[in-house]
Amino acid sequence: MFGHQYEKVLEDIQQFDIEQNDFMVNNKSVSNLNIEEKKRINCIAKWRHHAFEWIVGDEAWDEIEINT
């Protein structure tokens, strides 16, 4: 999926399991997370995306749209 040129990069990323081709969260593959863990990861990702858009944009915190 990422191409051969990225295999070395992925090996160096501790949060990626090259054997499973999956990202790791607390030493568990994302595909093995339970529903509550997945909801928590989704919430964290949402607010990190919101914060990133706020940092790089000109909108106020309450006006940020994260539909990208």
N, C-alpha and C. Protein backbone atom coordinates (compact mmCIF):
# COMPACT_ATOMS: atom_id res chain seq x y z
N MET A 1 0.83 -1.19 0.00
CA MET A 1 0.00 0.00 0.00
C MET A 1 0.87 1.25 0.00
N PHE A 2 1.88 1.30 0.85
CA PHE A 2 2.72 2.48 0.93
C PHE A 2 3.86 2.44 -0.08
N GLY A 3 4.17 1.28 -0.63
CA GLY A 3 5.27 1.17 -1.57
C GLY A 3 6.54 0.75 -0.87
N HIS A 4 7.43 0.17 -1.64
CA HIS A 4 8.68 -0.36 -1.08
C HIS A 4 9.56 0.73 -0.48
N GLN A 5 9.50 1.92 -1.03
CA GLN A 5 10.36 3.00 -0.53
C GLN A 5 10.00 3.41 0.90
N TYR A 6 8.81 3.05 1.36
CA TYR A 6 8.39 3.44 2.70
C TYR A 6 8.53 2.32 3.73
N GLU A 7 8.95 1.13 3.30
CA GLU A 7 9.07 0.02 4.25
C GLU A 7 10.05 0.34 5.37
N LYS A 8 11.19 0.94 5.05
CA LYS A 8 12.18 1.29 6.06
C LYS A 8 11.62 2.34 7.01
N VAL A 9 10.90 3.30 6.47
CA VAL A 9 10.30 4.34 7.31
C VAL A 9 9.31 3.70 8.28
N LEU A 10 8.48 2.81 7.80
CA LEU A 10 7.49 2.16 8.64
C LEU A 10 8.13 1.27 9.70
N GLU A 11 9.25 0.65 9.38
CA GLU A 11 9.96 -0.16 10.37
C GLU A 11 10.45 0.69 11.53
N ASP A 12 10.78 1.94 11.23
CA ASP A 12 11.30 2.85 12.26
C ASP A 12 10.19 3.50 13.08
N ILE A 13 8.96 3.42 12.63
CA ILE A 13 7.84 3.99 13.37
C ILE A 13 7.37 2.94 14.36
N GLN A 14 7.51 3.22 15.63
CA GLN A 14 7.15 2.25 16.65
C GLN A 14 5.66 1.99 16.70
N GLN A 15 4.86 2.89 16.22
CA GLN A 15 3.42 2.72 16.29
C GLN A 15 2.86 1.98 15.08
N PHE A 16 3.73 1.37 14.26
CA PHE A 16 3.26 0.64 13.10
C PHE A 16 3.80 -0.78 13.15
N ASP A 17 2.91 -1.76 12.99
CA ASP A 17 3.30 -3.16 12.99
C ASP A 17 3.41 -3.62 11.55
N ILE A 18 4.65 -3.76 11.07
CA ILE A 18 4.90 -4.11 9.67
C ILE A 18 4.36 -5.50 9.34
N GLU A 19 4.33 -6.38 10.34
CA GLU A 19 3.81 -7.74 10.13
C GLU A 19 2.30 -7.72 9.91
N GLN A 20 1.60 -6.90 10.64
CA GLN A 20 0.14 -6.82 10.57
C GLN A 20 -0.35 -5.75 9.60
N ASN A 21 0.57 -4.89 9.13
CA ASN A 21 0.19 -3.74 8.30
C ASN A 21 -0.89 -2.92 8.97
N ASP A 22 -0.65 -2.64 10.25
CA ASP A 22 -1.64 -1.92 11.04
C ASP A 22 -0.92 -0.99 12.01
N PHE A 23 -1.57 0.08 12.40
CA PHE A 23 -1.03 0.97 13.40
C PHE A 23 -1.26 0.39 14.78
N MET A 24 -0.39 0.74 15.70
CA MET A 24 -0.44 0.22 17.05
C MET A 24 -0.88 1.31 18.02
N VAL A 25 -1.69 0.93 19.00
CA VAL A 25 -2.12 1.81 20.08
C VAL A 25 -1.95 1.04 21.37
N ASN A 26 -1.07 1.52 22.24
CA ASN A 26 -0.80 0.82 23.50
C ASN A 26 -0.48 -0.65 23.28
N ASN A 27 0.40 -0.90 22.31
CA ASN A 27 0.85 -2.26 21.97
C ASN A 27 -0.25 -3.17 21.43
N LYS A 28 -1.33 -2.60 20.93
CA LYS A 28 -2.40 -3.36 20.30
C LYS A 28 -2.62 -2.82 18.89
N SER A 29 -2.86 -3.73 17.95
CA SER A 29 -3.21 -3.30 16.59
C SER A 29 -4.55 -2.59 16.62
N VAL A 30 -4.69 -1.57 15.80
CA VAL A 30 -5.96 -0.85 15.74
C VAL A 30 -7.11 -1.80 15.44
N SER A 31 -6.86 -2.78 14.59
CA SER A 31 -7.92 -3.73 14.24
C SER A 31 -8.35 -4.60 15.43
N ASN A 32 -7.53 -4.66 16.48
CA ASN A 32 -7.86 -5.46 17.66
C ASN A 32 -8.41 -4.63 18.82
N LEU A 33 -8.60 -3.34 18.61
CA LEU A 33 -9.16 -2.51 19.67
C LEU A 33 -10.64 -2.80 19.84
N ASN A 34 -11.13 -2.70 21.07
CA ASN A 34 -12.57 -2.88 21.28
C ASN A 34 -13.29 -1.59 20.93
N ILE A 35 -14.59 -1.61 20.96
CA ILE A 35 -15.40 -0.47 20.52
C ILE A 35 -15.14 0.78 21.35
N GLU A 36 -14.96 0.62 22.66
CA GLU A 36 -14.68 1.78 23.52
C GLU A 36 -13.31 2.38 23.21
N GLU A 37 -12.32 1.54 22.95
CA GLU A 37 -10.99 2.05 22.59
C GLU A 37 -11.04 2.77 21.26
N LYS A 38 -11.80 2.25 20.32
CA LYS A 38 -11.92 2.90 19.01
C LYS A 38 -12.64 4.25 19.14
N LYS A 39 -13.66 4.31 19.98
CA LYS A 39 -14.35 5.59 20.21
C LYS A 39 -13.40 6.62 20.80
N ARG A 40 -12.56 6.17 21.75
CA ARG A 40 -11.61 7.09 22.38
C ARG A 40 -10.59 7.60 21.37
N ILE A 41 -10.06 6.70 20.54
CA ILE A 41 -9.10 7.10 19.50
C ILE A 41 -9.76 8.07 18.52
N ASN A 42 -10.99 7.82 18.16
CA ASN A 42 -11.73 8.71 17.26
C ASN A 42 -11.88 10.10 17.87
N CYS A 43 -12.22 10.16 19.15
CA CYS A 43 -12.37 11.44 19.84
C CYS A 43 -11.05 12.20 19.90
N ILE A 44 -9.98 11.49 20.23
CA ILE A 44 -8.65 12.12 20.29
C ILE A 44 -8.27 12.66 18.92
N ALA A 45 -8.48 11.86 17.87
CA ALA A 45 -8.13 12.29 16.51
C ALA A 45 -8.95 13.51 16.10
N LYS A 46 -10.23 13.51 16.44
CA LYS A 46 -11.11 14.63 16.10
C LYS A 46 -10.60 15.93 16.71
N TRP A 47 -10.26 15.91 18.00
CA TRP A 47 -9.83 17.14 18.67
C TRP A 47 -8.42 17.56 18.27
N ARG A 48 -7.58 16.61 17.93
CA ARG A 48 -6.26 16.97 17.40
C ARG A 48 -6.39 17.63 16.04
N HIS A 49 -7.29 17.10 15.21
CA HIS A 49 -7.55 17.71 13.91
C HIS A 49 -8.11 19.12 14.08
N HIS A 50 -9.04 19.27 15.01
CA HIS A 50 -9.62 20.57 15.30
C HIS A 50 -8.53 21.56 15.73
N ALA A 51 -7.66 21.13 16.64
CA ALA A 51 -6.58 22.00 17.12
C ALA A 51 -5.62 22.36 16.00
N PHE A 52 -5.30 21.41 15.13
CA PHE A 52 -4.41 21.69 14.01
C PHE A 52 -5.03 22.73 13.08
N GLU A 53 -6.30 22.55 12.74
CA GLU A 53 -6.98 23.51 11.87
C GLU A 53 -7.01 24.90 12.51
N TRP A 54 -7.18 24.97 13.81
CA TRP A 54 -7.20 26.25 14.52
C TRP A 54 -5.82 26.91 14.47
N ILE A 55 -4.77 26.12 14.66
CA ILE A 55 -3.40 26.65 14.65
C ILE A 55 -3.03 27.21 13.29
N VAL A 56 -3.36 26.49 12.23
CA VAL A 56 -2.92 26.92 10.89
C VAL A 56 -3.91 27.84 10.20
N GLY A 57 -5.10 28.01 10.77
CA GLY A 57 -6.11 28.83 10.12
C GLY A 57 -6.30 30.18 10.78
N ASP A 58 -7.30 30.88 10.30
CA ASP A 58 -7.61 32.22 10.81
C ASP A 58 -8.92 32.26 11.59
N GLU A 59 -9.59 31.12 11.72
CA GLU A 59 -10.89 31.08 12.38
C GLU A 59 -10.74 31.00 13.90
N ALA A 60 -11.79 31.45 14.58
CA ALA A 60 -11.86 31.30 16.04
C ALA A 60 -12.09 29.83 16.36
N TRP A 61 -11.74 29.42 17.57
CA TRP A 61 -11.86 28.03 17.99
C TRP A 61 -13.26 27.46 17.73
N ASP A 62 -14.28 28.23 18.05
CA ASP A 62 -15.66 27.76 17.89
C ASP A 62 -16.15 27.77 16.45
N GLU A 63 -15.36 28.34 15.54
CA GLU A 63 -15.77 28.42 14.14
C GLU A 63 -15.04 27.42 13.25
N ILE A 64 -14.19 26.60 13.83
CA ILE A 64 -13.40 25.62 13.07
C ILE A 64 -14.32 24.55 12.51
N GLU A 65 -14.12 24.22 11.23
CA GLU A 65 -14.81 23.11 10.60
C GLU A 65 -13.78 22.03 10.31
N ILE A 66 -14.09 20.82 10.69
CA ILE A 66 -13.13 19.72 10.46
C ILE A 66 -13.69 18.70 9.48
N ASN A 67 -14.33 19.19 8.45
CA ASN A 67 -14.93 18.32 7.46
C ASN A 67 -14.00 18.08 6.27
N THR A 68 -12.70 18.24 6.48
CA THR A 68 -11.76 18.02 5.38
C THR A 68 -11.30 16.61 5.34
